[in-house]
Every structure is written in structure tokens, then in C-alpha cells.
Amino acid sequence: MDRKPHRLEVVRYEYDGKDIVIKQIKALDEKGKYIKFVKLEKVMPYLSKMPITFKQYESKGGL
């Protein structure tokens, strides 16, 4: 069975108070299960078309 990406989750990013810089993003299936880490440049066209969540930001040392 081939699972198709249903949602993207940003797991590592930096926030400087003005801009968010995405460092790592993963694809999840419709049940929220991990499929694989993806290259941002490959998913750029889909960012406005797919649901995206951000992992909780931790300011200590960043993510």
C-alpha cells in the first residue's frame, strides 16, 4: 500500500522575532503517521495547498 502525503510538519526552524526560517520538514499521511523527511525546495509548490503544522518552538538552543 502506497501512502500519499496528506500534511506537512515543520520540525526544525528558527524564529528571530521577525522571520521564520524552516530547517527541516516532514511529510505525514492522513492518520498523522510519519512518511519521510522532505526537501523544502521539493515541497515549496505545495505549501499553500496542504495543511502545515509547526512543532512546538523551544527557544533554548532552538530546534
N, C-alpha and C. Protein backbone atom coordinates (compact mmCIF):
# COMPACT_ATOMS: atom_id res chain seq x y z
N MET A 1 0.84 -1.19 0.00
CA MET A 1 0.00 0.00 0.00
C MET A 1 0.89 1.25 0.00
N ASP A 2 0.66 2.12 -0.94
CA ASP A 2 1.46 3.34 -1.08
C ASP A 2 0.77 4.48 -0.33
N ARG A 3 1.48 5.04 0.65
CA ARG A 3 0.91 6.16 1.42
C ARG A 3 1.26 7.47 0.73
N LYS A 4 0.28 8.35 0.60
CA LYS A 4 0.49 9.65 -0.02
C LYS A 4 0.54 10.71 1.07
N PRO A 5 1.41 11.71 0.90
CA PRO A 5 1.47 12.81 1.88
C PRO A 5 0.14 13.53 1.97
N HIS A 6 -0.29 13.76 3.20
CA HIS A 6 -1.55 14.43 3.45
C HIS A 6 -1.32 15.77 4.17
N ARG A 7 -0.23 15.84 4.91
CA ARG A 7 0.06 17.02 5.73
C ARG A 7 1.57 17.16 5.87
N LEU A 8 2.02 18.38 6.07
CA LEU A 8 3.44 18.65 6.29
C LEU A 8 3.62 19.15 7.72
N GLU A 9 4.74 18.76 8.34
CA GLU A 9 5.05 19.24 9.69
C GLU A 9 6.46 19.80 9.70
N VAL A 10 6.56 21.06 10.09
CA VAL A 10 7.87 21.71 10.22
C VAL A 10 8.41 21.32 11.60
N VAL A 11 9.54 20.62 11.61
CA VAL A 11 10.06 20.10 12.88
C VAL A 11 11.27 20.87 13.40
N ARG A 12 11.99 21.53 12.51
CA ARG A 12 13.12 22.38 12.93
C ARG A 12 13.03 23.71 12.21
N TYR A 13 13.07 24.78 12.98
CA TYR A 13 13.03 26.11 12.40
C TYR A 13 13.59 27.10 13.39
N GLU A 14 13.94 28.26 12.87
CA GLU A 14 14.43 29.36 13.70
C GLU A 14 13.50 30.55 13.53
N TYR A 15 13.30 31.26 14.61
CA TYR A 15 12.45 32.44 14.60
C TYR A 15 13.22 33.56 15.30
N ASP A 16 13.44 34.66 14.59
CA ASP A 16 14.22 35.77 15.15
C ASP A 16 13.34 36.93 15.61
N GLY A 17 12.05 36.69 15.75
CA GLY A 17 11.13 37.75 16.13
C GLY A 17 10.49 38.43 14.93
N LYS A 18 11.02 38.16 13.76
CA LYS A 18 10.51 38.75 12.53
C LYS A 18 10.24 37.70 11.46
N ASP A 19 11.22 36.84 11.23
CA ASP A 19 11.12 35.83 10.17
C ASP A 19 11.23 34.42 10.73
N ILE A 20 10.58 33.49 10.06
CA ILE A 20 10.71 32.06 10.36
C ILE A 20 11.54 31.44 9.25
N VAL A 21 12.62 30.76 9.64
CA VAL A 21 13.48 30.07 8.67
C VAL A 21 13.30 28.58 8.90
N ILE A 22 12.73 27.89 7.92
CA ILE A 22 12.47 26.46 8.02
C ILE A 22 13.76 25.69 7.76
N LYS A 23 14.09 24.77 8.68
CA LYS A 23 15.30 23.97 8.57
C LYS A 23 15.00 22.52 8.19
N GLN A 24 13.87 21.97 8.69
CA GLN A 24 13.55 20.56 8.42
C GLN A 24 12.03 20.39 8.41
N ILE A 25 11.56 19.61 7.44
CA ILE A 25 10.11 19.40 7.29
C ILE A 25 9.86 17.94 6.95
N LYS A 26 8.77 17.39 7.48
CA LYS A 26 8.46 16.00 7.18
C LYS A 26 7.04 15.87 6.65
N ALA A 27 6.82 14.81 5.87
CA ALA A 27 5.51 14.51 5.31
C ALA A 27 4.82 13.48 6.19
N LEU A 28 3.52 13.71 6.42
CA LEU A 28 2.71 12.80 7.22
C LEU A 28 1.54 12.29 6.38
N ASP A 29 1.08 11.08 6.67
CA ASP A 29 -0.08 10.56 5.95
C ASP A 29 -1.38 11.08 6.57
N GLU A 30 -2.52 10.59 6.09
CA GLU A 30 -3.81 11.10 6.56
C GLU A 30 -4.08 10.77 8.02
N LYS A 31 -3.36 9.81 8.59
CA LYS A 31 -3.51 9.46 10.00
C LYS A 31 -2.49 10.18 10.88
N GLY A 32 -1.65 11.02 10.27
CA GLY A 32 -0.63 11.74 11.02
C GLY A 32 0.63 10.94 11.26
N LYS A 33 0.78 9.82 10.56
CA LYS A 33 1.96 8.97 10.70
C LYS A 33 3.06 9.46 9.76
N TYR A 34 4.28 9.39 10.26
CA TYR A 34 5.47 9.81 9.52
C TYR A 34 5.63 9.01 8.22
N ILE A 35 5.91 9.70 7.12
CA ILE A 35 6.24 9.05 5.85
C ILE A 35 7.74 9.21 5.60
N LYS A 36 8.20 10.46 5.51
CA LYS A 36 9.63 10.72 5.32
C LYS A 36 9.91 12.21 5.48
N PHE A 37 11.18 12.52 5.69
CA PHE A 37 11.61 13.91 5.67
C PHE A 37 11.70 14.33 4.22
N VAL A 38 11.35 15.58 3.94
CA VAL A 38 11.33 16.07 2.57
C VAL A 38 12.21 17.31 2.42
N LYS A 39 12.67 17.54 1.22
CA LYS A 39 13.46 18.74 0.93
C LYS A 39 12.50 19.90 0.70
N LEU A 40 12.77 21.01 1.35
CA LEU A 40 11.88 22.16 1.27
C LEU A 40 11.67 22.61 -0.17
N GLU A 41 12.73 22.62 -0.97
CA GLU A 41 12.59 23.08 -2.35
C GLU A 41 11.66 22.17 -3.16
N LYS A 42 11.53 20.91 -2.78
CA LYS A 42 10.63 19.99 -3.49
C LYS A 42 9.16 20.21 -3.12
N VAL A 43 8.89 20.70 -1.89
CA VAL A 43 7.50 20.88 -1.46
C VAL A 43 7.02 22.33 -1.51
N MET A 44 7.89 23.25 -1.91
CA MET A 44 7.51 24.67 -1.99
C MET A 44 6.20 24.89 -2.74
N PRO A 45 5.97 24.24 -3.89
CA PRO A 45 4.72 24.47 -4.62
C PRO A 45 3.47 24.00 -3.86
N TYR A 46 3.64 23.14 -2.86
CA TYR A 46 2.51 22.57 -2.14
C TYR A 46 2.24 23.24 -0.80
N LEU A 47 3.10 24.15 -0.38
CA LEU A 47 2.95 24.77 0.94
C LEU A 47 1.61 25.48 1.11
N SER A 48 1.10 26.09 0.07
CA SER A 48 -0.18 26.78 0.18
C SER A 48 -1.37 25.85 -0.06
N LYS A 49 -1.11 24.61 -0.45
CA LYS A 49 -2.19 23.68 -0.80
C LYS A 49 -2.40 22.58 0.23
N MET A 50 -1.44 22.38 1.13
CA MET A 50 -1.51 21.30 2.12
C MET A 50 -1.56 21.88 3.52
N PRO A 51 -2.21 21.18 4.44
CA PRO A 51 -2.16 21.62 5.84
C PRO A 51 -0.73 21.52 6.37
N ILE A 52 -0.30 22.52 7.13
CA ILE A 52 1.05 22.55 7.69
C ILE A 52 0.94 22.81 9.19
N THR A 53 1.70 22.06 9.97
CA THR A 53 1.78 22.30 11.40
C THR A 53 3.24 22.56 11.76
N PHE A 54 3.44 23.25 12.86
CA PHE A 54 4.78 23.52 13.37
C PHE A 54 4.94 22.82 14.70
N LYS A 55 6.03 22.11 14.86
CA LYS A 55 6.35 21.51 16.15
C LYS A 55 6.58 22.64 17.14
N GLN A 56 6.27 22.43 18.40
CA GLN A 56 6.41 23.47 19.43
C GLN A 56 7.82 24.06 19.41
N TYR A 57 7.91 25.36 19.35
CA TYR A 57 9.19 26.06 19.32
C TYR A 57 9.78 26.14 20.72
N GLU A 58 11.05 25.77 20.83
CA GLU A 58 11.76 25.87 22.10
C GLU A 58 12.89 26.86 21.93
N SER A 59 12.86 27.95 22.66
CA SER A 59 13.86 28.98 22.48
C SER A 59 15.24 28.60 23.02
N LYS A 60 15.32 27.64 23.93
CA LYS A 60 16.61 27.21 24.46
C LYS A 60 17.35 26.39 23.42
N GLY A 61 18.34 26.97 22.80
CA GLY A 61 19.13 26.26 21.81
C GLY A 61 18.45 26.09 20.46
N GLY A 62 17.21 26.49 20.32
CA GLY A 62 16.50 26.37 19.05
C GLY A 62 16.11 24.94 18.75
N LEU A 63 15.49 24.76 17.61
CA LEU A 63 15.09 23.43 17.16
C LEU A 63 15.94 23.00 16.02
